């Protein structure tokens, strides 16, 4: 589960972290349960059994057998690492915000700025506002319809920003929203109402996340070879893989939430900033 933190984690990263933590901790009693977050230092989880670890969008819930859940959100630089007892941690100890240890595994949560202990029955108070989770294992037609309804309601919003809004669909981050816009052939600044196939946007979003959810590497091109995994993301000034035009970059959104955006000026149609970097 250890990986270099170079960007805001996407929903598939959180999903994989939850999957691995569940396999390592579920059904096992904690011999050590330290919470080093300033708001939670008085709580000791030792002696409790982990009932399961469940991802919801970019949120992670570690459920305990006393009816409580430990909620964590990765934000910019958070992560959970798994170790064997006695192994050296790959990040500095002062960055650890939670240490959950069983007889044979140690889960360490680093740089988890959002950490909360709450009744499992109240998890909805933290994620109930989210749109459908694109990696929900119970995804069905109702999820498609709700995601489409929420996306359609953002008709005047720029597509690139709507894709980042977790209240529309939960799980997409900057990597996928750039790649989705490229694959749709529109710029991230095109209004949602002008996108011809919104059901296709939902389907593509889910397909990309699902295709990467069981591995740490992320590809939208189908290749995992070095330098070949993405169409436009983090490729400023390099030739487009389709038309060879130079990939451009600019910021989208208002500070302090503006996000670095990449697009091909030839393959993607729609508005774009006048001042753009190659």
C-alpha atoms as a PDB file:
ATOM      1  CA  UNK A   1       0.000   0.000   0.000  1.00  0.00           C
ATOM      2  CA  UNK A   2       2.979   2.325   0.338  1.00  0.00           C
ATOM      3  CA  UNK A   3       3.226   4.781  -2.520  1.00  0.00           C
ATOM      4  CA  UNK A   4       4.735   8.182  -3.205  1.00  0.00           C
ATOM      5  CA  UNK A   5       2.237  10.959  -2.639  1.00  0.00           C
ATOM      6  CA  UNK A   6       2.451  13.228  -5.651  1.00  0.00           C
ATOM      7  CA  UNK A   7      -1.141  14.359  -6.102  1.00  0.00           C
ATOM      8  CA  UNK A   8      -4.522  14.364  -4.417  1.00  0.00           C
ATOM      9  CA  UNK A   9      -5.594  10.699  -4.207  1.00  0.00           C
ATOM     10  CA  UNK A  10      -8.362   9.612  -6.566  1.00  0.00           C
ATOM     11  CA  UNK A  11     -11.243   7.398  -5.512  1.00  0.00           C
ATOM     12  CA  UNK A  12      -9.536   4.263  -6.834  1.00  0.00           C
ATOM     13  CA  UNK A  13      -6.533   4.923  -4.583  1.00  0.00           C
ATOM     14  CA  UNK A  14      -8.781   5.129  -1.530  1.00  0.00           C
ATOM     15  CA  UNK A  15     -10.681   2.036  -2.671  1.00  0.00           C
ATOM     16  CA  UNK A  16      -7.454   0.038  -2.929  1.00  0.00           C
ATOM     17  CA  UNK A  17      -6.275   1.255   0.472  1.00  0.00           C
ATOM     18  CA  UNK A  18      -9.587   0.167   1.989  1.00  0.00           C
ATOM     19  CA  UNK A  19      -9.456  -3.220   0.264  1.00  0.00           C
ATOM     20  CA  UNK A  20      -5.955  -3.951   1.555  1.00  0.00           C
ATOM     21  CA  UNK A  21      -6.684  -2.681   5.051  1.00  0.00           C
ATOM     22  CA  UNK A  22      -9.844  -4.786   5.221  1.00  0.00           C
ATOM     23  CA  UNK A  23      -7.902  -7.893   4.221  1.00  0.00           C
ATOM     24  CA  UNK A  24      -5.225  -7.155   6.830  1.00  0.00           C
ATOM     25  CA  UNK A  25      -7.337  -6.030   9.788  1.00  0.00           C
ATOM     26  CA  UNK A  26     -10.921  -7.269   9.530  1.00  0.00           C
ATOM     27  CA  UNK A  27     -11.778  -9.826  12.190  1.00  0.00           C
ATOM     28  CA  UNK A  28      -8.619  -9.165  14.193  1.00  0.00           C
ATOM     29  CA  UNK A  29      -8.266  -7.660  17.662  1.00  0.00           C
ATOM     30  CA  UNK A  30      -6.183  -4.527  18.075  1.00  0.00           C
ATOM     31  CA  UNK A  31      -3.252  -4.901  20.450  1.00  0.00           C
ATOM     32  CA  UNK A  32      -2.450  -1.224  19.820  1.00  0.00           C
ATOM     33  CA  UNK A  33      -4.889   1.475  18.817  1.00  0.00           C
ATOM     34  CA  UNK A  34      -3.294   4.909  19.094  1.00  0.00           C
ATOM     35  CA  UNK A  35      -4.992   8.028  17.752  1.00  0.00           C
ATOM     36  CA  UNK A  36      -2.486  10.870  17.631  1.00  0.00           C
ATOM     37  CA  UNK A  37      -4.793  13.493  16.183  1.00  0.00           C
ATOM     38  CA  UNK A  38      -5.128  16.456  18.589  1.00  0.00           C
ATOM     39  CA  UNK A  39      -8.875  15.911  18.947  1.00  0.00           C
ATOM     40  CA  UNK A  40      -8.621  12.170  19.615  1.00  0.00           C
ATOM     41  CA  UNK A  41      -5.516  11.602  21.714  1.00  0.00           C
ATOM     42  CA  UNK A  42      -7.553  10.543  24.755  1.00  0.00           C
ATOM     43  CA  UNK A  43      -9.021   7.554  22.890  1.00  0.00           C
ATOM     44  CA  UNK A  44      -7.356   4.145  23.044  1.00  0.00           C
ATOM     45  CA  UNK A  45      -8.735   1.520  20.654  1.00  0.00           C
ATOM     46  CA  UNK A  46      -6.627  -1.373  21.957  1.00  0.00           C
ATOM     47  CA  UNK A  47      -8.736  -4.441  22.752  1.00  0.00           C
ATOM     48  CA  UNK A  48     -11.352  -3.711  20.082  1.00  0.00           C
ATOM     49  CA  UNK A  49     -11.831  -5.868  16.997  1.00  0.00           C
ATOM     50  CA  UNK A  50     -11.918  -4.394  13.514  1.00  0.00           C
ATOM     51  CA  UNK A  51     -15.244  -5.333  11.949  1.00  0.00           C
ATOM     52  CA  UNK A  52     -14.298  -4.054   8.497  1.00  0.00           C
ATOM     53  CA  UNK A  53     -12.833  -1.230   6.430  1.00  0.00           C
ATOM     54  CA  UNK A  54     -15.185   0.461   3.967  1.00  0.00           C
ATOM     55  CA  UNK A  55     -14.333   3.144   1.359  1.00  0.00           C
ATOM     56  CA  UNK A  56     -16.962   5.690   0.325  1.00  0.00           C
ATOM     57  CA  UNK A  57     -15.734   7.981  -2.439  1.00  0.00           C
ATOM     58  CA  UNK A  58     -12.567   9.522  -1.030  1.00  0.00           C
ATOM     59  CA  UNK A  59     -13.536   8.689   2.558  1.00  0.00           C
ATOM     60  CA  UNK A  60     -12.486   5.618   4.526  1.00  0.00           C
ATOM     61  CA  UNK A  61     -14.311   4.103   7.503  1.00  0.00           C
ATOM     62  CA  UNK A  62     -12.588   1.588   9.786  1.00  0.00           C
ATOM     63  CA  UNK A  63     -15.476  -0.022  11.647  1.00  0.00           C
ATOM     64  CA  UNK A  64     -14.987  -1.394  15.155  1.00  0.00           C
ATOM     65  CA  UNK A  65     -16.940  -4.004  17.105  1.00  0.00           C
ATOM     66  CA  UNK A  66     -18.044  -1.490  19.745  1.00  0.00           C
ATOM     67  CA  UNK A  67     -20.342   0.253  17.250  1.00  0.00           C
ATOM     68  CA  UNK A  68     -17.951   3.067  16.329  1.00  0.00           C
ATOM     69  CA  UNK A  69     -16.081   3.923  13.143  1.00  0.00           C
ATOM     70  CA  UNK A  70     -12.780   5.683  12.612  1.00  0.00           C
ATOM     71  CA  UNK A  71     -13.233   8.038   9.678  1.00  0.00           C
ATOM     72  CA  UNK A  72     -10.267   9.263   7.636  1.00  0.00           C
ATOM     73  CA  UNK A  73      -9.878  11.412   4.525  1.00  0.00           C
ATOM     74  CA  UNK A  74      -6.603  11.530   2.599  1.00  0.00           C
ATOM     75  CA  UNK A  75      -6.886  15.108   1.308  1.00  0.00           C
ATOM     76  CA  UNK A  76      -3.586  16.287  -0.241  1.00  0.00           C
ATOM     77  CA  UNK A  77      -0.947  14.120   1.401  1.00  0.00           C
ATOM     78  CA  UNK A  78      -2.644  11.563   3.622  1.00  0.00           C
ATOM     79  CA  UNK A  79      -2.143   7.815   3.288  1.00  0.00           C
ATOM     80  CA  UNK A  80      -2.409   4.509   5.121  1.00  0.00           C
ATOM     81  CA  UNK A  81       0.613   2.182   5.109  1.00  0.00           C
ATOM     82  CA  UNK A  82       0.633  -1.490   6.038  1.00  0.00           C
ATOM     83  CA  UNK A  83       3.625  -3.098   7.759  1.00  0.00           C
ATOM     84  CA  UNK A  84       4.603  -6.198   9.635  1.00  0.00           C
ATOM     85  CA  UNK A  85       5.397  -5.680  13.328  1.00  0.00           C
ATOM     86  CA  UNK A  86       8.924  -4.389  13.732  1.00  0.00           C
ATOM     87  CA  UNK A  87       9.272  -3.100  10.165  1.00  0.00           C
ATOM     88  CA  UNK A  88      10.664   0.390   9.701  1.00  0.00           C
ATOM     89  CA  UNK A  89       8.056   2.980   8.697  1.00  0.00           C
ATOM     90  CA  UNK A  90       8.549   4.699   5.365  1.00  0.00           C
ATOM     91  CA  UNK A  91       7.406   8.098   6.640  1.00  0.00           C
ATOM     92  CA  UNK A  92       8.476  10.061   9.705  1.00  0.00           C
ATOM     93  CA  UNK A  93       6.879   8.957  12.977  1.00  0.00           C
ATOM     94  CA  UNK A  94       5.759  12.513  13.782  1.00  0.00           C
ATOM     95  CA  UNK A  95       3.497  12.385  10.718  1.00  0.00           C
ATOM     96  CA  UNK A  96       1.570   9.393  12.056  1.00  0.00           C
ATOM     97  CA  UNK A  97      -1.977  10.239  13.151  1.00  0.00           C
ATOM     98  CA  UNK A  98      -3.223   6.703  13.807  1.00  0.00           C
ATOM     99  CA  UNK A  99      -1.557   3.367  14.588  1.00  0.00           C
ATOM    100  CA  UNK A 100      -3.746   0.249  14.428  1.00  0.00           C
ATOM    101  CA  UNK A 101      -1.799  -2.912  15.225  1.00  0.00           C
ATOM    102  CA  UNK A 102      -2.933  -6.529  15.379  1.00  0.00           C
ATOM    103  CA  UNK A 103      -0.827  -9.564  16.179  1.00  0.00           C
ATOM    104  CA  UNK A 104       0.710  -9.636  12.711  1.00  0.00           C
ATOM    105  CA  UNK A 105      -0.079  -6.373  10.894  1.00  0.00           C
ATOM    106  CA  UNK A 106       0.382  -2.659  11.584  1.00  0.00           C
ATOM    107  CA  UNK A 107      -1.678  -0.004   9.788  1.00  0.00           C
ATOM    108  CA  UNK A 108      -0.262   3.503  10.121  1.00  0.00           C
ATOM    109  CA  UNK A 109      -2.232   6.537   8.964  1.00  0.00           C
ATOM    110  CA  UNK A 110       0.101   9.367   7.967  1.00  0.00           C
ATOM    111  CA  UNK A 111      -0.843  13.042   7.552  1.00  0.00           C
ATOM    112  CA  UNK A 112      -4.530  12.343   8.096  1.00  0.00           C
ATOM    113  CA  UNK A 113      -5.734  15.857   8.807  1.00  0.00           C
ATOM    114  CA  UNK A 114      -9.364  14.687   8.830  1.00  0.00           C
ATOM    115  CA  UNK A 115      -9.734  11.972  11.453  1.00  0.00           C
ATOM    116  CA  UNK A 116     -12.893  11.409  13.446  1.00  0.00           C
ATOM    117  CA  UNK A 117     -14.330   8.756  15.739  1.00  0.00           C
ATOM    118  CA  UNK A 118     -18.110   8.442  15.524  1.00  0.00           C
ATOM    119  CA  UNK A 119     -20.945   5.898  15.850  1.00  0.00           C
ATOM    120  CA  UNK A 120     -21.076   3.644  12.799  1.00  0.00           C
ATOM    121  CA  UNK A 121     -24.776   4.450  12.519  1.00  0.00           C
ATOM    122  CA  UNK A 122     -23.836   8.112  12.000  1.00  0.00           C
ATOM    123  CA  UNK A 123     -21.428   7.644   9.083  1.00  0.00           C
ATOM    124  CA  UNK A 124     -24.040   9.243   6.832  1.00  0.00           C
ATOM    125  CA  UNK A 125     -23.484  12.577   8.568  1.00  0.00           C
ATOM    126  CA  UNK A 126     -20.072  12.729   6.891  1.00  0.00           C
ATOM    127  CA  UNK A 127     -20.859  11.240   3.470  1.00  0.00           C
ATOM    128  CA  UNK A 128     -24.616  11.583   3.053  1.00  0.00           C
ATOM    129  CA  UNK A 129     -24.181  14.709   0.925  1.00  0.00           C
ATOM    130  CA  UNK A 130     -22.014  12.920  -1.634  1.00  0.00           C
ATOM    131  CA  UNK A 131     -23.178  11.919  -5.060  1.00  0.00           C
ATOM    132  CA  UNK A 132     -23.196   8.234  -6.049  1.00  0.00           C
ATOM    133  CA  UNK A 133     -19.899   6.513  -5.275  1.00  0.00           C
ATOM    134  CA  UNK A 134     -18.480   5.492  -8.648  1.00  0.00           C
ATOM    135  CA  UNK A 135     -16.875   2.415  -7.064  1.00  0.00           C
ATOM    136  CA  UNK A 136     -19.909   1.332  -5.062  1.00  0.00           C
ATOM    137  CA  UNK A 137     -19.961  -2.494  -5.386  1.00  0.00           C
ATOM    138  CA  UNK A 138     -23.772  -2.326  -5.400  1.00  0.00           C
ATOM    139  CA  UNK A 139     -23.902   0.132  -8.320  1.00  0.00           C
ATOM    140  CA  UNK A 140     -27.137  -0.273 -10.279  1.00  0.00           C
ATOM    141  CA  UNK A 141     -29.432   1.639 -12.596  1.00  0.00           C
ATOM    142  CA  UNK A 142     -30.585   3.897  -9.785  1.00  0.00           C
ATOM    143  CA  UNK A 143     -27.035   5.084  -9.260  1.00  0.00           C
ATOM    144  CA  UNK A 144     -26.690   5.929 -12.951  1.00  0.00           C
ATOM    145  CA  UNK A 145     -29.927   7.890 -12.871  1.00  0.00           C
ATOM    146  CA  UNK A 146     -28.986   9.841  -9.749  1.00  0.00           C
ATOM    147  CA  UNK A 147     -25.506  10.696 -11.041  1.00  0.00           C
ATOM    148  CA  UNK A 148     -27.034  11.863 -14.328  1.00  0.00           C
ATOM    149  CA  UNK A 149     -29.629  13.971 -12.486  1.00  0.00           C
ATOM    150  CA  UNK A 150     -26.974  15.689 -10.392  1.00  0.00           C
ATOM    151  CA  UNK A 151     -24.696  16.279 -13.369  1.00  0.00           C
ATOM    152  CA  UNK A 152     -27.530  17.656 -15.498  1.00  0.00           C
ATOM    153  CA  UNK A 153     -28.453  20.049 -12.684  1.00  0.00           C
ATOM    154  CA  UNK A 154     -24.992  21.642 -13.091  1.00  0.00           C
ATOM    155  CA  UNK A 155     -25.822  22.674 -16.659  1.00  0.00           C
ATOM    156  CA  UNK A 156     -24.166  26.087 -16.432  1.00  0.00           C
ATOM    157  CA  UNK A 157     -21.047  24.793 -14.687  1.00  0.00           C
ATOM    158  CA  UNK A 158     -17.818  24.072 -16.520  1.00  0.00           C
ATOM    159  CA  UNK A 159     -17.506  20.331 -17.073  1.00  0.00           C
ATOM    160  CA  UNK A 160     -14.024  20.124 -15.558  1.00  0.00           C
ATOM    161  CA  UNK A 161     -15.264  21.640 -12.305  1.00  0.00           C
ATOM    162  CA  UNK A 162     -18.481  19.606 -12.233  1.00  0.00           C
ATOM    163  CA  UNK A 163     -16.462  16.397 -12.485  1.00  0.00           C
ATOM    164  CA  UNK A 164     -14.457  17.395  -9.415  1.00  0.00           C
ATOM    165  CA  UNK A 165     -17.579  18.113  -7.369  1.00  0.00           C
ATOM    166  CA  UNK A 166     -18.052  15.161  -5.032  1.00  0.00           C
ATOM    167  CA  UNK A 167     -21.718  16.068  -4.580  1.00  0.00           C
ATOM    168  CA  UNK A 168     -22.237  15.090  -8.228  1.00  0.00           C
ATOM    169  CA  UNK A 169     -20.228  11.843  -8.367  1.00  0.00           C
ATOM    170  CA  UNK A 170     -17.893  10.692  -5.617  1.00  0.00           C
ATOM    171  CA  UNK A 171     -14.399   9.527  -6.472  1.00  0.00           C
ATOM    172  CA  UNK A 172     -13.064  11.634  -9.342  1.00  0.00           C
ATOM    173  CA  UNK A 173      -9.979  13.802  -8.894  1.00  0.00           C
ATOM    174  CA  UNK A 174      -7.780  15.962 -11.076  1.00  0.00           C
ATOM    175  CA  UNK A 175      -6.201  13.111 -13.006  1.00  0.00           C
ATOM    176  CA  UNK A 176      -9.446  11.573 -14.170  1.00  0.00           C
ATOM    177  CA  UNK A 177     -11.308  14.776 -14.885  1.00  0.00           C
ATOM    178  CA  UNK A 178      -8.523  15.872 -17.285  1.00  0.00           C
ATOM    179  CA  UNK A 179      -8.457  12.490 -18.997  1.00  0.00           C
ATOM    180  CA  UNK A 180     -12.245  12.262 -19.206  1.00  0.00           C
ATOM    181  CA  UNK A 181     -12.478  15.622 -20.964  1.00  0.00           C
ATOM    182  CA  UNK A 182      -9.839  14.508 -23.467  1.00  0.00           C
ATOM    183  CA  UNK A 183     -11.604  11.228 -24.197  1.00  0.00           C
ATOM    184  CA  UNK A 184     -14.879  13.130 -24.669  1.00  0.00           C
ATOM    185  CA  UNK A 185     -13.193  15.516 -27.097  1.00  0.00           C
ATOM    186  CA  UNK A 186     -14.204  18.657 -25.185  1.00  0.00           C
ATOM    187  CA  UNK A 187     -12.230  21.165 -23.152  1.00  0.00           C
ATOM    188  CA  UNK A 188     -12.710  21.243 -19.377  1.00  0.00           C
ATOM    189  CA  UNK A 189     -14.262  24.716 -19.762  1.00  0.00           C
ATOM    190  CA  UNK A 190     -17.213  23.612 -21.876  1.00  0.00           C
ATOM    191  CA  UNK A 191     -20.555  24.052 -20.034  1.00  0.00           C
ATOM    192  CA  UNK A 192     -22.153  20.811 -18.901  1.00  0.00           C
ATOM    193  CA  UNK A 193     -25.325  21.594 -20.882  1.00  0.00           C
ATOM    194  CA  UNK A 194     -23.295  21.588 -24.118  1.00  0.00           C
ATOM    195  CA  UNK A 195     -21.900  18.090 -23.601  1.00  0.00           C
ATOM    196  CA  UNK A 196     -23.881  15.887 -26.018  1.00  0.00           C
ATOM    197  CA  UNK A 197     -23.798  12.595 -24.090  1.00  0.00           C
ATOM    198  CA  UNK A 198     -24.041  13.065 -20.336  1.00  0.00           C
ATOM    199  CA  UNK A 199     -24.960   9.417 -19.655  1.00  0.00           C
ATOM    200  CA  UNK A 200     -21.722   8.593 -21.450  1.00  0.00           C
ATOM    201  CA  UNK A 201     -19.829  10.894 -19.075  1.00  0.00           C
ATOM    202  CA  UNK A 202     -21.126   8.927 -16.091  1.00  0.00           C
ATOM    203  CA  UNK A 203     -20.321   5.589 -17.745  1.00  0.00           C
ATOM    204  CA  UNK A 204     -16.809   6.697 -18.735  1.00  0.00           C
ATOM    205  CA  UNK A 205     -16.089   8.019 -15.241  1.00  0.00           C
ATOM    206  CA  UNK A 206     -17.074   4.746 -13.666  1.00  0.00           C
ATOM    207  CA  UNK A 207     -15.224   2.668 -16.264  1.00  0.00           C
ATOM    208  CA  UNK A 208     -11.913   4.487 -15.784  1.00  0.00           C
ATOM    209  CA  UNK A 209     -12.008   4.265 -11.997  1.00  0.00           C
ATOM    210  CA  UNK A 210     -13.100   0.621 -12.072  1.00  0.00           C
ATOM    211  CA  UNK A 211     -10.315  -0.374 -14.454  1.00  0.00           C
ATOM    212  CA  UNK A 212      -7.645   0.859 -12.018  1.00  0.00           C
ATOM    213  CA  UNK A 213      -9.181   0.111  -8.624  1.00  0.00           C
ATOM    214  CA  UNK A 214      -7.260  -3.089  -7.910  1.00  0.00           C
ATOM    215  CA  UNK A 215      -3.729  -1.794  -8.548  1.00  0.00           C
ATOM    216  CA  UNK A 216      -1.687   1.246  -7.474  1.00  0.00           C
ATOM    217  CA  UNK A 217      -0.826   2.197 -11.072  1.00  0.00           C
ATOM    218  CA  UNK A 218      -3.373   4.290 -12.965  1.00  0.00           C
ATOM    219  CA  UNK A 219      -3.773   4.289 -16.722  1.00  0.00           C
ATOM    220  CA  UNK A 220      -6.346   5.811 -19.048  1.00  0.00           C
ATOM    221  CA  UNK A 221      -4.586   4.822 -22.274  1.00  0.00           C
ATOM    222  CA  UNK A 222      -4.473   1.096 -21.564  1.00  0.00           C
ATOM    223  CA  UNK A 223      -0.692   1.097 -21.161  1.00  0.00           C
ATOM    224  CA  UNK A 224       1.227   0.905 -17.891  1.00  0.00           C
ATOM    225  CA  UNK A 225       4.583   1.560 -19.537  1.00  0.00           C
ATOM    226  CA  UNK A 226       6.548   4.496 -18.157  1.00  0.00           C
ATOM    227  CA  UNK A 227       5.382   7.747 -19.721  1.00  0.00           C
ATOM    228  CA  UNK A 228       2.494   6.136 -21.602  1.00  0.00           C
ATOM    229  CA  UNK A 229      -0.246   5.900 -18.983  1.00  0.00           C
ATOM    230  CA  UNK A 230      -2.060   9.206 -19.653  1.00  0.00           C
ATOM    231  CA  UNK A 231      -3.344  11.164 -22.627  1.00  0.00           C
ATOM    232  CA  UNK A 232      -2.846  14.733 -21.375  1.00  0.00           C
ATOM    233  CA  UNK A 233      -2.467  14.689 -17.590  1.00  0.00           C
ATOM    234  CA  UNK A 234       0.934  16.017 -16.488  1.00  0.00           C
ATOM    235  CA  UNK A 235       2.132  16.173 -20.111  1.00  0.00           C
ATOM    236  CA  UNK A 236       2.402  19.954 -20.691  1.00  0.00           C
ATOM    237  CA  UNK A 237       4.262  20.916 -23.847  1.00  0.00           C
ATOM    238  CA  UNK A 238       4.526  17.330 -25.033  1.00  0.00           C
ATOM    239  CA  UNK A 239       2.924  16.142 -28.289  1.00  0.00           C
ATOM    240  CA  UNK A 240      -0.625  14.831 -28.183  1.00  0.00           C
ATOM    241  CA  UNK A 241      -0.665  11.068 -28.604  1.00  0.00           C
ATOM    242  CA  UNK A 242      -3.354  11.396 -31.274  1.00  0.00           C
ATOM    243  CA  UNK A 243      -2.599  14.518 -33.323  1.00  0.00           C
ATOM    244  CA  UNK A 244       0.902  15.588 -32.158  1.00  0.00           C
ATOM    245  CA  UNK A 245      -0.258  19.112 -31.208  1.00  0.00           C
ATOM    246  CA  UNK A 246       1.384  20.436 -28.046  1.00  0.00           C
ATOM    247  CA  UNK A 247      -0.517  19.777 -24.820  1.00  0.00           C
ATOM    248  CA  UNK A 248      -1.436  23.003 -23.073  1.00  0.00           C
ATOM    249  CA  UNK A 249      -1.975  23.750 -19.419  1.00  0.00           C
ATOM    250  CA  UNK A 250      -3.762  26.416 -17.371  1.00  0.00           C
ATOM    251  CA  UNK A 251      -5.583  26.750 -14.077  1.00  0.00           C
ATOM    252  CA  UNK A 252      -9.315  26.212 -13.754  1.00  0.00           C
ATOM    253  CA  UNK A 253     -11.415  27.469 -10.873  1.00  0.00           C
ATOM    254  CA  UNK A 254     -11.016  30.227  -8.338  1.00  0.00           C
ATOM    255  CA  UNK A 255      -8.135  30.442  -5.845  1.00  0.00           C
ATOM    256  CA  UNK A 256      -7.391  28.766  -3.519  1.00  0.00           C
ATOM    257  CA  UNK A 257      -9.173  25.839  -5.184  1.00  0.00           C
ATOM    258  CA  UNK A 258      -7.896  26.367  -8.740  1.00  0.00           C
ATOM    259  CA  UNK A 259      -6.651  23.131 -10.298  1.00  0.00           C
ATOM    260  CA  UNK A 260      -3.960  22.584 -12.903  1.00  0.00           C
ATOM    261  CA  UNK A 261      -5.662  21.605 -16.150  1.00  0.00           C
ATOM    262  CA  UNK A 262      -4.295  19.925 -19.293  1.00  0.00           C
ATOM    263  CA  UNK A 263      -5.838  19.680 -22.764  1.00  0.00           C
ATOM    264  CA  UNK A 264      -5.089  19.251 -26.443  1.00  0.00           C
ATOM    265  CA  UNK A 265      -6.086  22.375 -28.424  1.00  0.00           C
ATOM    266  CA  UNK A 266      -6.734  20.311 -31.553  1.00  0.00           C
ATOM    267  CA  UNK A 267      -8.496  17.187 -30.251  1.00  0.00           C
ATOM    268  CA  UNK A 268     -10.663  18.967 -27.685  1.00  0.00           C
ATOM    269  CA  UNK A 269     -13.303  21.465 -28.751  1.00  0.00           C
ATOM    270  CA  UNK A 270     -14.805  24.260 -26.686  1.00  0.00           C
ATOM    271  CA  UNK A 271     -13.698  27.350 -24.772  1.00  0.00           C
ATOM    272  CA  UNK A 272     -10.265  27.650 -23.216  1.00  0.00           C
ATOM    273  CA  UNK A 273      -8.278  30.405 -21.464  1.00  0.00           C
ATOM    274  CA  UNK A 274      -6.635  33.027 -23.621  1.00  0.00           C
ATOM    275  CA  UNK A 275      -3.483  32.728 -21.578  1.00  0.00           C
ATOM    276  CA  UNK A 276      -2.391  29.137 -21.602  1.00  0.00           C
ATOM    277  CA  UNK A 277       1.026  27.569 -21.165  1.00  0.00           C
ATOM    278  CA  UNK A 278       2.389  25.034 -23.573  1.00  0.00           C
END
